[in-house]
Amino acid sequence: MMPADTRWVKSSHSFANGNCVEVAARYGAVGVRDTTQDGAGPVLTFPDTKWVAFAAAVRRGELPA
């Protein structure tokens, strides 16, 4: 769980129509949430090292579609 004062950043791939994913980094963790329906909804939290590895794999095209 991310603290209440966490600063969330909207993905550059989000749309103005409300379909958005937000990400926040805090205390060695990265939180990801979908604010399409509920900005206070569930948050997936990953260790920051795992998030960096995931993002690198995405950029390299290593994950199946």
N, C-alpha and C. Protein backbone atom coordinates (compact mmCIF):
# COMPACT_ATOMS: atom_id res chain seq x y z
N MET A 1 0.84 -1.18 0.00
CA MET A 1 0.00 0.00 0.00
C MET A 1 0.89 1.24 0.00
N MET A 2 0.49 2.20 -0.79
CA MET A 2 1.24 3.44 -0.89
C MET A 2 0.66 4.45 0.10
N PRO A 3 1.51 5.27 0.73
CA PRO A 3 1.03 6.27 1.68
C PRO A 3 0.05 7.26 1.02
N ALA A 4 -0.80 7.85 1.82
CA ALA A 4 -1.84 8.75 1.31
C ALA A 4 -1.27 9.97 0.59
N ASP A 5 -0.09 10.42 0.97
CA ASP A 5 0.49 11.60 0.34
C ASP A 5 1.38 11.28 -0.87
N THR A 6 1.25 10.08 -1.40
CA THR A 6 2.03 9.67 -2.56
C THR A 6 1.65 10.51 -3.78
N ARG A 7 2.65 10.92 -4.54
CA ARG A 7 2.42 11.69 -5.77
C ARG A 7 2.35 10.73 -6.96
N TRP A 8 1.19 10.63 -7.56
CA TRP A 8 0.96 9.74 -8.69
C TRP A 8 1.20 10.48 -10.00
N VAL A 9 1.76 9.77 -10.98
CA VAL A 9 2.04 10.33 -12.30
C VAL A 9 1.25 9.53 -13.33
N LYS A 10 0.52 10.25 -14.18
CA LYS A 10 -0.29 9.61 -15.21
C LYS A 10 0.61 9.15 -16.36
N SER A 11 0.36 7.96 -16.88
CA SER A 11 1.10 7.44 -18.00
C SER A 11 0.95 8.33 -19.22
N SER A 12 2.01 8.47 -19.99
CA SER A 12 1.94 9.26 -21.23
C SER A 12 1.06 8.57 -22.27
N HIS A 13 0.73 7.30 -22.06
CA HIS A 13 -0.14 6.56 -22.97
C HIS A 13 -1.60 6.61 -22.54
N SER A 14 -1.89 7.34 -21.50
CA SER A 14 -3.26 7.48 -21.04
C SER A 14 -4.00 8.47 -21.94
N PHE A 15 -5.31 8.35 -21.97
CA PHE A 15 -6.12 9.18 -22.85
C PHE A 15 -6.95 10.17 -22.04
N ALA A 16 -7.34 11.25 -22.68
CA ALA A 16 -8.15 12.29 -22.04
C ALA A 16 -9.54 11.80 -21.69
N ASN A 17 -9.95 10.66 -22.25
CA ASN A 17 -11.30 10.15 -22.00
C ASN A 17 -11.42 9.42 -20.67
N GLY A 18 -10.37 9.45 -19.85
CA GLY A 18 -10.44 8.84 -18.53
C GLY A 18 -9.78 7.49 -18.41
N ASN A 19 -9.37 6.90 -19.54
CA ASN A 19 -8.66 5.62 -19.49
C ASN A 19 -7.22 5.90 -19.10
N CYS A 20 -6.89 5.67 -17.84
CA CYS A 20 -5.53 6.02 -17.45
C CYS A 20 -4.95 5.06 -16.42
N VAL A 21 -3.64 4.98 -16.50
CA VAL A 21 -2.84 4.23 -15.55
C VAL A 21 -1.91 5.23 -14.89
N GLU A 22 -1.77 5.13 -13.58
CA GLU A 22 -0.88 6.01 -12.85
C GLU A 22 0.18 5.18 -12.14
N VAL A 23 1.36 5.79 -11.99
CA VAL A 23 2.50 5.12 -11.37
C VAL A 23 3.08 6.05 -10.31
N ALA A 24 3.57 5.47 -9.23
CA ALA A 24 4.22 6.24 -8.18
C ALA A 24 5.38 5.43 -7.62
N ALA A 25 6.49 6.10 -7.36
CA ALA A 25 7.65 5.46 -6.75
C ALA A 25 7.85 6.03 -5.36
N ARG A 26 8.03 5.12 -4.40
CA ARG A 26 8.18 5.58 -3.02
C ARG A 26 8.77 4.47 -2.16
N TYR A 27 9.75 4.81 -1.35
CA TYR A 27 10.33 3.88 -0.36
C TYR A 27 10.76 2.55 -0.96
N GLY A 28 11.42 2.57 -2.11
CA GLY A 28 11.92 1.34 -2.71
C GLY A 28 10.85 0.50 -3.38
N ALA A 29 9.68 1.09 -3.62
CA ALA A 29 8.58 0.37 -4.26
C ALA A 29 7.97 1.23 -5.36
N VAL A 30 7.32 0.56 -6.30
CA VAL A 30 6.59 1.26 -7.36
C VAL A 30 5.15 0.78 -7.29
N GLY A 31 4.23 1.73 -7.22
CA GLY A 31 2.80 1.41 -7.21
C GLY A 31 2.20 1.72 -8.57
N VAL A 32 1.26 0.88 -9.00
CA VAL A 32 0.56 1.07 -10.27
C VAL A 32 -0.92 0.94 -9.99
N ARG A 33 -1.71 1.89 -10.52
CA ARG A 33 -3.15 1.82 -10.32
C ARG A 33 -3.88 2.25 -11.60
N ASP A 34 -5.06 1.72 -11.77
CA ASP A 34 -5.94 2.08 -12.88
C ASP A 34 -7.00 3.01 -12.33
N THR A 35 -7.00 4.25 -12.77
CA THR A 35 -7.95 5.23 -12.24
C THR A 35 -9.15 5.44 -13.16
N THR A 36 -9.36 4.51 -14.07
CA THR A 36 -10.51 4.61 -14.98
C THR A 36 -11.81 4.67 -14.19
N GLN A 37 -11.97 3.80 -13.21
CA GLN A 37 -13.20 3.72 -12.44
C GLN A 37 -13.09 4.35 -11.06
N ASP A 38 -11.93 4.16 -10.41
CA ASP A 38 -11.83 4.57 -9.01
C ASP A 38 -10.39 4.93 -8.67
N GLY A 39 -10.13 6.21 -8.48
CA GLY A 39 -8.79 6.65 -8.14
C GLY A 39 -8.32 6.15 -6.79
N ALA A 40 -9.24 5.73 -5.94
CA ALA A 40 -8.88 5.21 -4.63
C ALA A 40 -8.93 3.68 -4.61
N GLY A 41 -8.98 3.09 -5.80
CA GLY A 41 -9.08 1.63 -5.91
C GLY A 41 -7.78 0.93 -5.59
N PRO A 42 -7.68 -0.34 -5.94
CA PRO A 42 -6.52 -1.15 -5.59
C PRO A 42 -5.24 -0.67 -6.28
N VAL A 43 -4.13 -0.96 -5.64
CA VAL A 43 -2.81 -0.61 -6.15
C VAL A 43 -1.97 -1.87 -6.19
N LEU A 44 -1.33 -2.12 -7.34
CA LEU A 44 -0.34 -3.18 -7.43
C LEU A 44 0.99 -2.58 -7.03
N THR A 45 1.71 -3.22 -6.12
CA THR A 45 2.98 -2.68 -5.64
C THR A 45 4.09 -3.68 -5.94
N PHE A 46 5.18 -3.16 -6.50
CA PHE A 46 6.32 -3.98 -6.88
C PHE A 46 7.58 -3.41 -6.26
N PRO A 47 8.56 -4.27 -5.89
CA PRO A 47 9.86 -3.74 -5.48
C PRO A 47 10.45 -2.95 -6.65
N ASP A 48 11.13 -1.84 -6.38
CA ASP A 48 11.62 -1.01 -7.47
C ASP A 48 12.58 -1.75 -8.40
N THR A 49 13.36 -2.69 -7.88
CA THR A 49 14.28 -3.44 -8.73
C THR A 49 13.53 -4.32 -9.72
N LYS A 50 12.42 -4.89 -9.29
CA LYS A 50 11.60 -5.72 -10.19
C LYS A 50 10.92 -4.86 -11.25
N TRP A 51 10.48 -3.65 -10.86
CA TRP A 51 9.85 -2.75 -11.82
C TRP A 51 10.84 -2.33 -12.91
N VAL A 52 12.06 -2.02 -12.51
CA VAL A 52 13.10 -1.63 -13.48
C VAL A 52 13.35 -2.77 -14.46
N ALA A 53 13.44 -4.00 -13.96
CA ALA A 53 13.65 -5.16 -14.83
C ALA A 53 12.46 -5.36 -15.77
N PHE A 54 11.25 -5.19 -15.27
CA PHE A 54 10.04 -5.32 -16.09
C PHE A 54 10.03 -4.27 -17.20
N ALA A 55 10.28 -3.01 -16.85
CA ALA A 55 10.27 -1.93 -17.83
C ALA A 55 11.33 -2.15 -18.90
N ALA A 56 12.50 -2.63 -18.50
CA ALA A 56 13.57 -2.91 -19.48
C ALA A 56 13.15 -4.03 -20.43
N ALA A 57 12.51 -5.06 -19.90
CA ALA A 57 12.04 -6.17 -20.75
C ALA A 57 10.98 -5.69 -21.74
N VAL A 58 10.11 -4.79 -21.30
CA VAL A 58 9.10 -4.23 -22.21
C VAL A 58 9.78 -3.46 -23.33
N ARG A 59 10.74 -2.61 -22.98
CA ARG A 59 11.45 -1.80 -24.00
C ARG A 59 12.20 -2.69 -25.00
N ARG A 60 12.71 -3.83 -24.54
CA ARG A 60 13.42 -4.73 -25.43
C ARG A 60 12.50 -5.63 -26.23
N GLY A 61 11.20 -5.58 -25.96
CA GLY A 61 10.22 -6.41 -26.67
C GLY A 61 10.27 -7.87 -26.27
N GLU A 62 10.67 -8.16 -25.06
CA GLU A 62 10.83 -9.54 -24.61
C GLU A 62 9.56 -10.18 -24.06
N LEU A 63 8.49 -9.41 -23.88
CA LEU A 63 7.27 -9.96 -23.29
C LEU A 63 6.26 -10.29 -24.39
N PRO A 64 5.56 -11.41 -24.25
CA PRO A 64 4.57 -11.76 -25.28
C PRO A 64 3.39 -10.77 -25.27
N ALA A 65 2.82 -10.62 -26.43
CA ALA A 65 1.68 -9.68 -26.57
C ALA A 65 0.43 -10.27 -26.00
